[in-house]
Every structure is written in structure tokens, then in C-alpha cells.
Protein backbone atom coordinates (compact mmCIF):
# COMPACT_ATOMS: atom_id res chain seq x y z
CA MET A 1 -142.81 5.19 -125.74
CA THR A 2 -138.82 4.65 -125.97
CA GLN A 3 -137.61 3.61 -129.52
CA ARG A 4 -135.17 0.65 -128.99
CA GLY A 5 -132.63 1.71 -130.93
CA ASN A 6 -132.55 5.51 -128.58
CA ARG A 7 -132.41 3.28 -125.66
CA ARG A 8 -129.63 1.33 -127.05
CA GLU A 9 -127.88 4.45 -127.74
CA LEU A 10 -128.97 5.87 -124.27
CA LEU A 11 -127.80 2.69 -122.42
CA ALA A 12 -124.30 2.97 -124.28
CA ASP A 13 -123.70 6.51 -123.17
CA ALA A 14 -124.51 5.94 -119.96
CA ALA A 15 -122.26 2.96 -120.27
CA THR A 16 -119.64 5.44 -121.57
CA GLU A 17 -119.45 8.33 -117.94
CA VAL A 18 -120.03 4.45 -116.07
CA LEU A 19 -116.40 2.59 -117.81
CA ALA A 20 -114.87 6.50 -117.59
CA ARG A 21 -116.17 7.00 -113.91
CA ASP A 22 -115.92 4.61 -112.63
CA GLY A 23 -113.29 1.96 -114.41
CA GLY A 24 -113.78 -1.89 -115.91
CA ARG A 25 -114.41 -3.08 -112.18
CA GLY A 26 -117.29 -0.84 -112.07
CA LEU A 27 -119.54 -1.44 -115.26
CA THR A 28 -121.62 -2.93 -114.22
CA HIS A 29 -125.36 -3.23 -115.86
CA ARG A 30 -126.96 -1.85 -111.87
CA ALA A 31 -124.33 1.03 -112.29
CA ILE A 32 -125.52 1.10 -116.09
CA ASP A 33 -129.13 1.26 -115.31
CA ARG A 34 -128.84 3.98 -112.14
CA GLU A 35 -126.41 6.23 -114.87
CA ALA A 36 -130.01 5.68 -117.11
CA ARG A 37 -132.63 6.20 -114.71
CA VAL A 38 -133.72 3.19 -116.29
CA PRO A 39 -136.11 0.38 -114.00
CA GLU A 40 -133.73 -2.40 -112.89
CA GLY A 41 -132.31 -5.12 -114.96
CA THR A 42 -133.10 -3.06 -118.85
CA THR A 43 -129.16 -3.34 -119.40
CA LYS A 44 -128.76 -6.45 -118.82
CA ASN A 45 -132.15 -7.25 -120.59
CA TYR A 46 -130.24 -5.85 -124.09
CA TYR A 47 -126.85 -6.66 -122.92
CA PRO A 48 -126.47 -9.72 -121.00
CA THR A 49 -122.39 -9.94 -120.20
CA ARG A 50 -119.64 -7.59 -119.73
CA ASN A 51 -118.13 -8.69 -123.04
CA ALA A 52 -121.51 -7.25 -124.36
CA LEU A 53 -121.27 -3.98 -121.87
CA PHE A 54 -117.64 -3.72 -123.34
CA GLU A 55 -118.57 -4.06 -127.09
CA ALA A 56 -121.82 -1.62 -127.06
CA ILE A 57 -119.39 0.96 -125.81
CA ALA A 58 -117.11 0.41 -128.00
CA HIS A 59 -119.22 0.24 -131.02
CA HIS A 60 -120.70 3.29 -129.69
CA LEU A 61 -117.19 5.54 -129.84
CA ALA A 62 -116.83 3.74 -133.15
CA GLU A 63 -119.93 5.01 -134.99
CA ARG A 64 -119.61 8.52 -133.27
CA HIS A 65 -116.16 8.45 -134.22
CA VAL A 66 -116.22 7.59 -137.98
CA ALA A 67 -119.19 9.38 -138.79
CA ALA A 68 -117.48 13.15 -137.04
CA LEU A 69 -114.38 12.15 -139.26
CA GLU A 70 -116.49 11.69 -142.54
CA ALA A 71 -118.34 14.64 -142.22
CA LEU A 72 -114.77 16.71 -141.56
CA CYS A 73 -113.18 15.29 -144.84
CA ALA A 74 -116.45 16.02 -146.90
CA HIS A 75 -116.17 19.73 -145.89
CA ILE A 76 -113.11 20.69 -146.34
CA PRO A 77 -112.42 24.46 -147.30
CA ASP A 78 -111.32 24.92 -150.55
CA ASP A 79 -109.00 27.44 -149.45
CA VAL A 80 -108.18 25.63 -146.30
CA CYS A 81 -103.60 25.83 -144.94
CA PRO A 82 -101.62 24.07 -143.08
CA ASP A 83 -102.18 26.30 -140.20
CA ASP A 84 -105.80 25.37 -140.02
CA VAL A 85 -104.32 21.70 -139.78
CA THR A 86 -102.46 22.66 -137.06
CA ALA A 87 -105.52 24.83 -135.42
CA LEU A 88 -107.85 21.16 -136.02
CA TYR A 89 -105.45 19.17 -133.80
CA ALA A 90 -104.45 21.71 -131.31
CA ALA A 91 -108.65 21.80 -130.88
CA MET A 92 -108.94 18.06 -131.25
CA LEU A 93 -105.87 17.80 -128.23
CA ARG A 94 -108.16 20.12 -125.78
CA ARG A 95 -111.13 18.32 -126.31
CA MET A 96 -109.37 14.98 -125.82
CA SER A 97 -108.79 16.05 -122.11
CA GLY A 98 -111.97 19.20 -122.29
CA ASN A 99 -115.43 18.30 -122.82
CA ALA A 100 -115.05 14.87 -124.61
CA ARG A 101 -113.19 13.57 -121.44
CA SER A 102 -115.41 10.96 -120.42
CA GLN A 103 -115.28 10.24 -124.01
CA PHE A 104 -111.24 9.79 -124.09
CA LEU A 105 -111.31 8.11 -120.35
CA ALA A 106 -113.41 5.10 -121.96
CA LEU A 107 -111.88 4.75 -124.48
CA PHE A 108 -108.37 4.32 -122.93
CA GLU A 109 -110.09 1.46 -120.59
CA LEU A 110 -111.15 -0.16 -123.95
CA HIS A 111 -107.62 -0.43 -125.34
CA LEU A 112 -106.57 -2.26 -122.14
CA GLU A 113 -109.93 -4.47 -122.58
CA ALA A 114 -108.87 -4.69 -126.47
CA VAL A 115 -106.16 -6.73 -125.51
CA ARG A 116 -108.36 -9.94 -124.28
CA ASN A 117 -111.78 -9.48 -126.52
CA ALA A 118 -111.29 -8.96 -130.43
CA GLU A 119 -114.01 -7.00 -131.06
CA VAL A 120 -113.88 -4.24 -129.41
CA ARG A 121 -109.90 -4.48 -130.91
CA ALA A 122 -111.58 -4.33 -134.52
CA MET A 123 -113.78 -1.22 -133.01
CA LEU A 124 -110.44 0.26 -131.67
CA GLY A 125 -108.57 -0.43 -135.85
CA ALA A 126 -111.91 1.42 -137.24
CA ILE A 127 -111.35 4.40 -135.23
CA SER A 128 -107.43 4.33 -135.58
CA ARG A 129 -107.93 4.21 -139.54
CA ALA A 130 -110.36 6.79 -139.64
CA SER A 131 -108.04 9.03 -138.39
CA VAL A 132 -105.53 7.89 -140.12
CA ASP A 133 -107.46 8.28 -142.65
CA THR A 134 -108.41 11.83 -142.33
CA ALA A 135 -104.90 12.94 -141.60
CA VAL A 136 -103.78 11.74 -144.48
CA GLN A 137 -106.78 13.46 -146.55
CA LEU A 138 -105.80 17.30 -144.81
CA HIS A 139 -101.97 16.70 -145.56
CA ALA A 140 -103.02 16.60 -149.64
CA ALA A 141 -105.62 19.10 -149.08
CA VAL A 142 -102.83 21.69 -147.90
CA GLY A 143 -100.46 20.26 -150.60
CA ARG A 144 -98.03 18.64 -147.25
CA GLY A 145 -97.94 14.37 -147.71
CA ILE A 146 -97.66 12.34 -144.81
CA SER A 147 -97.20 8.92 -145.36
CA ARG A 148 -99.76 5.96 -143.46
CA ARG A 149 -96.99 5.21 -140.85
CA GLY A 150 -96.63 8.65 -140.46
CA ALA A 151 -99.95 9.61 -139.89
CA GLY A 152 -100.44 6.64 -137.40
CA LEU A 153 -97.55 7.96 -135.38
CA LEU A 154 -99.67 11.23 -135.23
CA ASP A 155 -102.89 9.49 -134.22
CA ALA A 156 -100.68 7.69 -131.43
CA GLY A 157 -98.84 10.96 -129.99
CA MET A 158 -102.43 12.43 -129.78
CA LEU A 159 -103.31 9.86 -127.76
CA GLY A 160 -100.88 9.34 -125.32
CA VAL A 161 -100.28 13.08 -124.38
CA ALA A 162 -104.00 13.07 -124.03
CA LEU A 163 -103.82 9.83 -121.76
CA SER A 164 -100.32 11.91 -120.22
CA SER A 165 -102.17 15.22 -119.43
CA LEU A 166 -105.92 13.15 -118.19
CA SER A 167 -103.63 10.02 -115.71
CA LEU A 168 -100.42 12.20 -114.64
CA PRO A 169 -100.20 14.89 -111.69
CA GLY A 170 -100.90 18.34 -112.85
CA GLU A 171 -97.57 19.91 -112.13
CA LEU A 172 -95.91 17.41 -113.98
CA VAL A 173 -97.74 18.34 -116.90
CA ASP A 174 -97.11 21.76 -117.27
CA GLU A 175 -93.53 21.19 -116.63
CA LEU A 176 -93.02 18.28 -119.89
CA GLY A 177 -95.48 21.05 -121.48
CA PHE A 178 -98.23 18.83 -121.94
CA ASP A 179 -100.86 21.84 -121.32
CA ASP A 180 -99.38 23.19 -124.38
CA ALA A 181 -101.82 21.94 -126.68
CA ASP A 182 -100.31 24.40 -129.91
CA GLY A 183 -96.46 23.82 -129.03
CA ILE A 184 -97.66 19.97 -128.65
CA THR A 185 -99.70 19.32 -132.36
CA ARG A 186 -97.24 21.23 -133.75
CA ALA A 187 -94.34 18.87 -132.73
CA LEU A 188 -96.62 16.55 -133.42
CA LEU A 189 -97.66 16.78 -136.96
CA THR A 190 -93.46 17.63 -137.46
CA LEU A 191 -92.94 14.03 -136.73
CA GLY A 192 -95.66 12.41 -138.47
CA ALA A 193 -94.66 14.32 -141.67
CA THR A 194 -90.84 13.24 -141.04
CA CYS A 195 -91.26 10.15 -139.86
CA ASP A 196 -89.80 7.92 -142.46
CA GLU A 197 -86.16 10.63 -143.21
CA PRO A 198 -83.60 8.81 -143.26
CA ALA A 199 -81.88 11.03 -139.95
CA LEU A 200 -84.61 9.35 -138.20
CA GLU A 201 -83.29 5.88 -139.05
CA VAL A 202 -80.45 6.77 -135.79
CA LEU A 203 -83.23 7.30 -133.78
CA ARG A 204 -85.22 3.40 -134.41
CA ASP A 205 -81.30 2.27 -134.33
CA TRP A 206 -80.68 3.29 -131.01
CA ALA A 207 -84.15 2.51 -129.53
CA GLY A 208 -83.23 -1.17 -131.05
């Protein structure tokens, strides 16, 4: 017999796939039942409302993201170097539009939902905070400081490039160089590390 906890995880996985594929409008109890291959009415029994569905997906993604980054930080090698950090972020960027495509499409849908749903917003906050904490810890491990604002810019930049890569026409992605994960990563890491330098005040003033 399927345990209740396992059933919740199964439904959350299925809901993530439905949200990524069909968007918020397509996120229905019946669609999730079909995706999970469970009897009709199962999802509604666990998550009675649409808000509950969005919140379940947000909790599911947040738990996985936070756990993965905590494990990463707990096993940083003693001989880690700046090139290793760059390679790690480049791999993350490729993963966002590659084998983790569904999770990130669902995450972007959740960002829209979070404008109206405080619980979803809190879970996205947990995801962002874990990413910022990880960036600070990785930079410290290689002897390079980064402020929390810089780490936040790095996180936002990674998400922005991933969103553009997934949603813009392919020829424009190529034209902008967003398909160059290594180059984009170096640029974002540089931006994050230098965001508090006085020279950038000119850009901030120009941007208003």
C-alpha cells in the first residue's frame, strides 16, 4: 500500500510537471490525477483547493532546493578554487534549461502566483535565501568575499538568464549569448562580487 507521505510526494511531483507543461490555468485536480496515474479525486482529497495545489508545489520545490544546497555546503572540498565555483554555477545554469527544465518552468509560474499568495511567497523566499547563503559560503571557501546583496544579484541574474533561455526565440538567445553558460556565469559572478563598488553608483544613478 502506498504510504500517505509517498502519495503526497507523488502528487507534488505530478503537479510540478502539470504546472510546467500547462501553466497555472492548466493546473487542475483532474490533470494531476492523470499525470500521477491515480484514481480521479485523489488529488482533491489531499489538496482541496487551487491555493493548496500551488502551495504544495512551492513546499515541494523549496524542500528539495534547500536540502540540495545544504548538502552542497556541507561537502565543500578543502582544495576548492575559484574555477570550481565558476564551473559549478555554469553547470547550474545549464541544468535550469536542461534536465531541470520542468522544475524551473514551474518555479517561474510560482513567482507569478506569489504576488497573490503569501505562503508561496514565503517558500520562494526560502529558496532565494538558501541560494544567497550558498553563494556567500562558496565565495568564502575560495577566499573571495561577496555581500548578501551581491549574492542576491547573482541569484536573480541566474534566474533571469534561465527564464530568457526558456522563453525567448532561440535565435535571440543565441544572438544575446545566453547559450554561453560559461561566459554568462563569469559575468554574473563578476557583477555579484563588484555590485558594492563605487563605480556602479553611476549606473544606479542613470537607472534612477
